Amino acid sequence: MIIDSRFTQLAEGLTGFSAALKKGENVLIDAFDVPDAMVIALVRAARACGAHPFVQLHRARITREMSLGAEEAQYQALSEVELHRMEKMQAYIAIRGSENIFEASDVPSSRVQLVSRLMKPVIDRRVNKTKWVVLRWPTPAMAQQAAMSTEAFEDFYFKVCTLDYARMRPGMKALSELMNKTDQVRITGPGTDLRFSIKGIGSKECGGQYNIPDGEVFSCPVKDSVEGVISYNAPTVYLGSSFDNIRLVFKKGRIVEATSNNTRKLNQILDSDSGARYIGEFAIGFNPHILEPMRDILFDEKIAGSFHFTPGQAYDECGNGNKSQVHWDMVCIQRPEYGGGEIHFDGKLIRKDGIFVPKALHKLNPEYLLAG
């Protein structure tokens, strides 16, 4: 089969740079509504690294049908099977396409929560014990979300996903070192006045190893330290439902008030378990190619001049110990056209209206990243 050169370039980046496959390693390629040609490109690229590729194909309408009738015994057995397979993998590459981002919108919340709870051990194993990278696949549905033509969106997608992520490393390292030394964080902006501590949590640089597209450094609040209010200005889709204008109020780390255009469903999700009303991640995004939200979190959480503040599960690395079946990255953009905003670390201004202020962080600003 003749493969589009863009597919080959992307596959080589995913297997070589992102997953850093080595000879003899097992890699699971998880493909969700993705063209066969891209899966084949990944298989070939994995073999070129000397790795052993394993492939699993998914279709959204079939996944929906399975979820509609999900039962405890069924998904407990499935979880055990999938966990056993994941234990045999050293790497994981997932490409997730979607012809309809709302395909699961009519799956009852109780079924969604059951599947999430029972499959959580598989996800935990993959996140914490394998080299992994996850990305979307460009579809007409995604182009519609981005309000772009299909051709223009595909060009944008491959430009973003094959970015020279190594250029981000100096700035990411400086930001990570600064976050590692920080105690108190304050974030202000329209409808937002948030205070919390990240003391002793640490941070993680994300420059193309885990998500594509990428461009963030994440940490996590001390669990009970979050106080204040945040108003998110990027729309979000979670568990097949759409949410706009989410506003959260915190006391002693816990979300005590949550409203949006879909307040009832929002609170149903936040009541999934005891950890869903605590924050599991705080991250600062800076991908210079991604400027507008498109209701796809793998893109939106990297928006230049944004941060995300995530209810639910914390990562084992750079985490606060919070456990939940929920991990919901909610995004706030602080560039001037979105109302601006500031981030302070221990009283020092770090970013204003989406632009990093300290000289050591200038290499994360768009003018530097795009100059390459």
Protein backbone atom coordinates (compact mmCIF):
# COMPACT_ATOMS: atom_id res chain seq x y z
CA MET A 1 0.00 0.00 0.00
CA ILE A 2 1.22 3.50 -0.88
CA ILE A 3 1.05 5.68 2.22
CA ASP A 4 0.58 9.47 2.29
CA SER A 5 3.95 11.00 3.20
CA ARG A 6 2.29 13.01 5.98
CA PHE A 7 1.08 9.76 7.56
CA THR A 8 4.59 8.36 7.43
CA GLN A 9 6.13 11.50 8.94
CA LEU A 10 3.58 11.48 11.78
CA ALA A 11 4.02 7.75 12.43
CA GLU A 12 7.80 8.11 12.58
CA GLY A 13 7.47 10.95 15.08
CA LEU A 14 5.06 8.99 17.27
CA THR A 15 7.16 5.83 17.36
CA GLY A 16 10.60 7.43 17.36
CA PHE A 17 10.34 10.70 19.30
CA SER A 18 7.15 10.34 21.38
CA ALA A 19 7.10 6.66 22.38
CA ALA A 20 10.85 6.23 21.80
CA LEU A 21 10.34 2.58 20.87
CA LYS A 22 13.27 0.23 21.33
CA LYS A 23 14.10 -3.14 19.88
CA GLY A 24 12.03 -5.93 21.35
CA GLU A 25 9.41 -3.70 23.02
CA ASN A 26 5.69 -4.41 22.66
CA VAL A 27 3.52 -1.49 21.59
CA LEU A 28 -0.28 -1.45 21.51
CA ILE A 29 -1.69 0.69 18.68
CA ASP A 30 -5.23 1.68 19.67
CA ALA A 31 -7.05 3.09 16.61
CA PHE A 32 -10.47 4.71 16.92
CA ASP A 33 -12.19 5.40 13.58
CA VAL A 34 -8.82 5.94 11.87
CA PRO A 35 -8.00 5.14 8.21
CA ASP A 36 -6.28 1.79 7.67
CA ALA A 37 -3.40 3.60 5.93
CA MET A 38 -2.46 5.45 9.13
CA VAL A 39 -2.57 2.25 11.18
CA ILE A 40 -0.35 0.54 8.61
CA ALA A 41 2.06 3.49 8.72
CA LEU A 42 2.31 3.04 12.50
CA VAL A 43 2.86 -0.71 12.20
CA ARG A 44 5.66 -0.14 9.68
CA ALA A 45 7.26 2.61 11.77
CA ALA A 46 7.13 0.45 14.92
CA ARG A 47 8.79 -2.44 13.10
CA ALA A 48 11.47 -0.08 11.78
CA CYS A 49 12.30 0.65 15.44
CA GLY A 50 12.60 -3.08 16.10
CA ALA A 51 9.43 -3.10 18.20
CA HIS A 52 6.53 -5.57 18.09
CA PRO A 53 3.26 -3.83 17.10
CA PHE A 54 -0.13 -4.99 18.40
CA VAL A 55 -3.30 -3.43 16.97
CA GLN A 56 -6.80 -2.87 18.32
CA LEU A 57 -9.48 -1.22 16.15
CA HIS A 58 -12.50 0.63 17.57
CA ARG A 59 -15.67 2.05 16.03
CA ALA A 60 -17.61 4.70 17.93
CA ARG A 61 -21.08 3.41 17.10
CA ILE A 62 -20.16 -0.07 18.27
CA THR A 63 -18.62 1.33 21.46
CA ARG A 64 -21.86 3.24 22.07
CA GLU A 65 -23.93 0.09 21.64
CA MET A 66 -21.74 -1.81 24.06
CA SER A 67 -21.98 1.00 26.61
CA LEU A 68 -25.78 1.21 26.36
CA GLY A 69 -26.06 -2.32 27.75
CA ALA A 70 -22.98 -2.32 29.97
CA GLU A 71 -23.23 -4.61 32.99
CA GLU A 72 -20.95 -5.04 36.00
CA ALA A 73 -19.99 -8.66 35.33
CA GLN A 74 -19.37 -8.02 31.63
CA TYR A 75 -17.05 -5.06 32.10
CA GLN A 76 -15.33 -6.58 35.10
CA ALA A 77 -14.28 -9.48 32.84
CA LEU A 78 -13.31 -7.09 30.04
CA SER A 79 -11.23 -5.02 32.45
CA GLU A 80 -9.32 -8.08 33.60
CA VAL A 81 -8.59 -9.13 30.01
CA GLU A 82 -7.48 -5.64 28.96
CA LEU A 83 -5.35 -5.21 32.07
CA HIS A 84 -3.57 -8.48 31.39
CA ARG A 85 -2.79 -7.33 27.85
CA MET A 86 -1.62 -3.89 29.03
CA GLU A 87 0.74 -5.59 31.48
CA LYS A 88 2.49 -7.13 28.46
CA MET A 89 3.03 -3.74 26.78
CA GLN A 90 5.97 -1.39 27.16
CA ALA A 91 4.36 1.33 25.01
CA TYR A 92 0.93 2.55 23.94
CA ILE A 93 -0.06 4.72 20.97
CA ALA A 94 -3.70 5.79 20.59
CA ILE A 95 -5.14 7.67 17.63
CA ARG A 96 -8.73 8.73 18.16
CA GLY A 97 -10.90 9.84 15.30
CA SER A 98 -14.56 10.75 15.61
CA GLU A 99 -17.21 11.32 12.98
CA ASN A 100 -19.58 12.56 15.68
CA ILE A 101 -18.21 13.87 18.99
CA PHE A 102 -21.66 13.46 20.53
CA GLU A 103 -21.97 9.77 19.64
CA ALA A 104 -22.17 8.81 23.33
CA SER A 105 -24.46 11.67 24.37
CA ASP A 106 -27.47 9.38 24.92
CA VAL A 107 -25.62 6.76 26.97
CA PRO A 108 -27.04 7.02 30.52
CA SER A 109 -24.66 8.52 33.08
CA SER A 110 -24.94 5.42 35.23
CA ARG A 111 -23.62 3.24 32.38
CA VAL A 112 -20.82 5.69 31.58
CA GLN A 113 -19.75 5.75 35.22
CA LEU A 114 -19.85 1.96 35.45
CA VAL A 115 -17.60 1.57 32.41
CA SER A 116 -15.24 4.32 33.63
CA ARG A 117 -14.95 2.77 37.08
CA LEU A 118 -14.30 -0.77 35.89
CA MET A 119 -11.85 0.21 33.13
CA LYS A 120 -9.89 2.57 35.40
CA PRO A 121 -7.24 -0.05 36.37
CA VAL A 122 -6.39 -0.45 32.68
CA ILE A 123 -5.98 3.30 32.22
CA ASP A 124 -3.93 3.60 35.41
CA ARG A 125 -1.60 0.84 34.20
CA ARG A 126 -1.21 2.47 30.81
CA VAL A 127 -0.59 5.98 32.20
CA ASN A 128 1.77 4.99 34.99
CA LYS A 129 3.59 1.93 33.64
CA THR A 130 4.00 2.37 29.89
CA LYS A 131 5.47 4.90 27.50
CA TRP A 132 2.35 6.38 25.94
CA VAL A 133 1.17 8.99 23.48
CA VAL A 134 -2.39 9.91 22.53
CA LEU A 135 -3.65 12.06 19.66
CA ARG A 136 -6.76 12.80 17.64
CA TRP A 137 -7.30 12.13 13.95
CA PRO A 138 -8.53 14.91 11.63
CA THR A 139 -12.11 14.35 10.46
CA PRO A 140 -14.79 16.54 8.88
CA ALA A 141 -16.45 16.62 12.32
CA MET A 142 -13.31 18.13 13.82
CA ALA A 143 -13.10 20.63 10.97
CA GLN A 144 -16.67 21.69 11.75
CA GLN A 145 -15.77 22.12 15.43
CA ALA A 146 -12.88 24.36 14.39
CA ALA A 147 -15.09 26.23 11.89
CA MET A 148 -12.65 25.35 9.10
CA SER A 149 -12.86 23.58 5.77
CA THR A 150 -11.81 19.94 5.85
CA GLU A 151 -8.72 20.62 3.72
CA ALA A 152 -7.63 23.63 5.76
CA PHE A 153 -8.10 21.72 9.00
CA GLU A 154 -6.04 18.78 7.75
CA ASP A 155 -3.22 21.17 6.81
CA PHE A 156 -3.45 22.76 10.28
CA TYR A 157 -3.51 19.35 11.96
CA PHE A 158 -0.38 17.98 10.32
CA LYS A 159 1.48 21.28 10.85
CA VAL A 160 0.68 21.18 14.57
CA CYS A 161 1.27 17.46 15.05
CA THR A 162 4.64 17.41 13.28
CA LEU A 163 5.92 20.56 15.04
CA ASP A 164 9.56 20.56 16.16
CA TYR A 165 8.73 19.97 19.80
CA ALA A 166 12.40 19.88 20.76
CA ARG A 167 12.37 23.69 20.36
CA MET A 168 10.11 23.92 23.43
CA ARG A 169 12.58 22.18 25.73
CA PRO A 170 14.61 25.16 27.05
CA GLY A 171 11.54 27.17 27.98
CA MET A 172 9.72 24.15 29.42
CA LYS A 173 12.72 23.31 31.57
CA ALA A 174 12.82 26.86 32.96
CA LEU A 175 9.08 26.85 33.70
CA SER A 176 9.27 23.43 35.33
CA GLU A 177 12.17 24.51 37.56
CA LEU A 178 10.24 27.62 38.59
CA MET A 179 7.11 25.61 39.42
CA ASN A 180 9.19 23.19 41.46
CA LYS A 181 10.30 26.09 43.69
CA THR A 182 6.86 27.69 43.98
CA ASP A 183 4.54 27.55 46.96
CA GLN A 184 1.63 29.92 46.35
CA VAL A 185 -0.11 30.41 43.00
CA ARG A 186 -2.67 33.11 42.31
CA ILE A 187 -4.65 33.35 39.07
CA THR A 188 -6.86 36.34 38.27
CA GLY A 189 -9.00 37.32 35.31
CA PRO A 190 -12.64 37.99 34.38
CA GLY A 191 -14.73 36.04 36.89
CA THR A 192 -11.60 34.37 38.31
CA ASP A 193 -9.70 34.87 41.55
CA LEU A 194 -8.05 31.60 42.50
CA ARG A 195 -5.42 30.80 45.13
CA PHE A 196 -3.67 27.51 45.88
CA SER A 197 -0.35 25.92 46.77
CA ILE A 198 1.81 23.62 44.63
CA LYS A 199 4.55 23.30 47.27
CA GLY A 200 6.35 19.97 47.10
CA ILE A 201 4.23 18.65 44.23
CA GLY A 202 6.77 19.00 41.42
CA SER A 203 6.04 19.47 37.73
CA LYS A 204 6.17 17.68 34.39
CA GLU A 205 7.26 19.00 30.99
CA CYS A 206 5.05 17.90 28.10
CA GLY A 207 6.70 18.49 24.76
CA GLY A 208 5.47 15.74 22.43
CA GLN A 209 6.08 12.64 24.53
CA TYR A 210 2.54 12.04 25.84
CA ASN A 211 0.05 14.02 23.79
CA ILE A 212 0.13 15.25 20.23
CA PRO A 213 -0.34 18.13 19.80
CA ASP A 214 1.55 19.14 22.92
CA GLY A 215 2.91 22.16 24.73
CA GLU A 216 2.27 22.38 28.47
CA VAL A 217 3.89 22.03 31.85
CA PHE A 218 1.67 20.55 34.54
CA SER A 219 1.66 20.32 38.30
CA CYS A 220 -1.12 19.87 40.85
CA PRO A 221 -2.51 21.84 43.79
CA VAL A 222 -2.06 20.64 47.33
CA LYS A 223 -5.44 18.93 47.68
CA ASP A 224 -7.09 21.10 50.32
CA SER A 225 -5.37 24.38 49.39
CA VAL A 226 -7.64 25.64 46.61
CA GLU A 227 -9.71 28.71 47.48
CA GLY A 228 -11.71 31.12 45.38
CA VAL A 229 -13.55 31.05 42.09
CA ILE A 230 -12.75 30.24 38.47
CA SER A 231 -14.73 31.00 35.32
CA TYR A 232 -13.69 28.91 32.31
CA ASN A 233 -14.12 30.58 28.91
CA ALA A 234 -13.39 27.61 26.63
CA PRO A 235 -16.29 25.28 25.83
CA THR A 236 -15.78 21.62 26.67
CA VAL A 237 -17.21 18.22 25.80
CA TYR A 238 -17.09 15.51 28.45
CA LEU A 239 -18.68 12.05 28.33
CA GLY A 240 -20.55 13.00 25.18
CA SER A 241 -22.14 16.18 26.58
CA SER A 242 -21.30 19.81 25.81
CA PHE A 243 -20.65 22.44 28.48
CA ASP A 244 -20.15 26.21 28.25
CA ASN A 245 -19.40 28.92 30.82
CA ILE A 246 -18.44 26.57 33.65
CA ARG A 247 -17.94 28.37 36.96
CA LEU A 248 -16.53 26.62 40.03
CA VAL A 249 -16.27 27.87 43.62
CA PHE A 250 -13.76 26.27 46.00
CA LYS A 251 -13.45 26.05 49.78
CA LYS A 252 -10.62 24.08 51.37
CA GLY A 253 -9.89 22.45 48.02
CA ARG A 254 -13.39 21.18 47.35
CA ILE A 255 -15.80 22.39 44.67
CA VAL A 256 -18.75 23.66 46.69
CA GLU A 257 -20.62 25.31 43.82
CA ALA A 258 -20.66 24.42 40.12
CA THR A 259 -22.73 26.08 37.39
CA SER A 260 -22.76 26.10 33.58
CA ASN A 261 -25.19 26.03 30.69
CA ASN A 262 -25.77 22.40 31.77
CA THR A 263 -25.58 22.70 35.54
CA ARG A 264 -27.48 19.50 36.30
CA LYS A 265 -25.22 17.26 34.20
CA LEU A 266 -22.13 19.11 35.44
CA ASN A 267 -22.98 18.30 39.04
CA GLN A 268 -23.90 14.72 38.21
CA ILE A 269 -20.36 14.21 36.90
CA LEU A 270 -18.78 16.00 39.86
CA ASP A 271 -20.77 13.71 42.16
CA SER A 272 -19.41 10.56 40.47
CA ASP A 273 -17.19 9.87 43.49
CA SER A 274 -15.61 11.66 46.43
CA GLY A 275 -12.52 12.75 44.44
CA ALA A 276 -14.35 14.36 41.51
CA ARG A 277 -14.87 17.63 43.43
CA TYR A 278 -11.14 18.08 44.11
CA ILE A 279 -8.50 19.22 41.61
CA GLY A 280 -6.07 16.70 40.13
CA GLU A 281 -4.05 18.89 37.75
CA PHE A 282 -2.94 22.47 37.14
CA ALA A 283 -1.22 23.11 33.80
CA ILE A 284 -0.05 26.02 31.68
CA GLY A 285 -0.42 25.73 27.88
CA PHE A 286 1.69 27.43 25.21
CA ASN A 287 1.40 25.79 21.76
CA PRO A 288 1.78 28.74 19.37
CA HIS A 289 -0.21 27.13 16.56
CA ILE A 290 -3.33 26.49 18.66
CA LEU A 291 -5.23 29.70 19.37
CA GLU A 292 -8.96 28.94 19.43
CA PRO A 293 -10.99 26.30 21.29
CA MET A 294 -12.55 23.55 19.21
CA ARG A 295 -14.17 21.35 21.87
CA ASP A 296 -11.38 18.81 21.64
CA ILE A 297 -9.37 18.74 24.82
CA LEU A 298 -6.14 17.37 23.36
CA PHE A 299 -5.98 20.56 21.31
CA ASP A 300 -7.73 23.01 23.63
CA GLU A 301 -5.56 22.30 26.70
CA LYS A 302 -2.47 23.37 24.72
CA ILE A 303 -3.89 26.71 23.53
CA ALA A 304 -1.29 29.49 23.64
CA GLY A 305 -1.97 31.72 26.64
CA SER A 306 -4.21 29.20 28.42
CA PHE A 307 -4.19 27.17 31.59
CA HIS A 308 -6.30 24.22 32.65
CA PHE A 309 -7.52 23.36 36.11
CA THR A 310 -8.75 19.79 36.24
CA PRO A 311 -11.32 18.26 38.58
CA GLY A 312 -10.71 14.61 39.43
CA GLN A 313 -7.91 12.10 39.22
CA ALA A 314 -4.34 13.24 39.86
CA TYR A 315 -1.37 11.66 38.11
CA ASP A 316 0.95 9.54 40.22
CA GLU A 317 3.82 11.81 39.23
CA CYS A 318 3.27 15.41 40.26
CA GLY A 319 0.05 14.51 42.02
CA ASN A 320 -1.69 15.23 45.30
CA GLY A 321 -3.03 11.71 45.87
CA ASN A 322 -6.55 12.52 44.70
CA LYS A 323 -8.37 9.49 43.25
CA SER A 324 -11.39 9.64 40.96
CA GLN A 325 -12.86 8.06 37.84
CA VAL A 326 -13.16 11.64 36.55
CA HIS A 327 -10.30 13.60 34.96
CA TRP A 328 -11.84 16.61 33.26
CA ASP A 329 -9.46 19.17 31.77
CA MET A 330 -11.29 22.50 31.81
CA VAL A 331 -9.58 25.38 29.99
CA CYS A 332 -9.34 29.12 30.57
CA ILE A 333 -7.70 31.35 27.94
CA GLN A 334 -6.00 34.55 29.18
CA ARG A 335 -5.03 36.31 25.96
CA PRO A 336 -6.44 39.87 25.59
CA GLU A 337 -9.15 38.87 23.13
CA TYR A 338 -10.49 36.50 25.81
CA GLY A 339 -10.43 39.09 28.56
CA GLY A 340 -6.81 38.74 29.67
CA GLY A 341 -5.60 37.59 33.06
CA GLU A 342 -2.53 37.08 35.22
CA ILE A 343 -0.67 34.22 36.88
CA HIS A 344 1.52 34.94 39.91
CA PHE A 345 3.95 32.56 41.62
CA ASP A 346 4.75 33.56 45.21
CA GLY A 347 3.67 37.11 44.45
CA LYS A 348 5.75 37.44 41.25
CA LEU A 349 4.03 38.05 37.91
CA ILE A 350 4.76 35.07 35.66
CA ARG A 351 2.33 35.52 32.77
CA LYS A 352 0.18 38.49 31.79
CA ASP A 353 -2.49 38.32 29.09
CA GLY A 354 -1.00 35.05 27.83
CA ILE A 355 2.61 36.28 27.55
CA PHE A 356 5.35 35.03 29.87
CA VAL A 357 7.07 37.90 31.69
CA PRO A 358 10.33 36.54 33.25
CA LYS A 359 13.24 36.50 30.77
CA ALA A 360 13.92 32.80 31.42
CA LEU A 361 10.42 31.98 30.11
CA HIS A 362 10.48 34.12 26.94
CA LYS A 363 11.32 31.00 24.90
CA LEU A 364 7.77 29.78 25.53
CA ASN A 365 6.23 32.87 23.95
CA PRO A 366 4.86 32.56 20.38
CA GLU A 367 7.42 34.92 18.83
CA TYR A 368 10.22 32.51 19.82
CA LEU A 369 8.46 29.21 19.14
CA LEU A 370 7.23 30.32 15.72
CA ALA A 371 10.60 31.74 14.72
CA GLY A 372 11.93 28.22 14.31
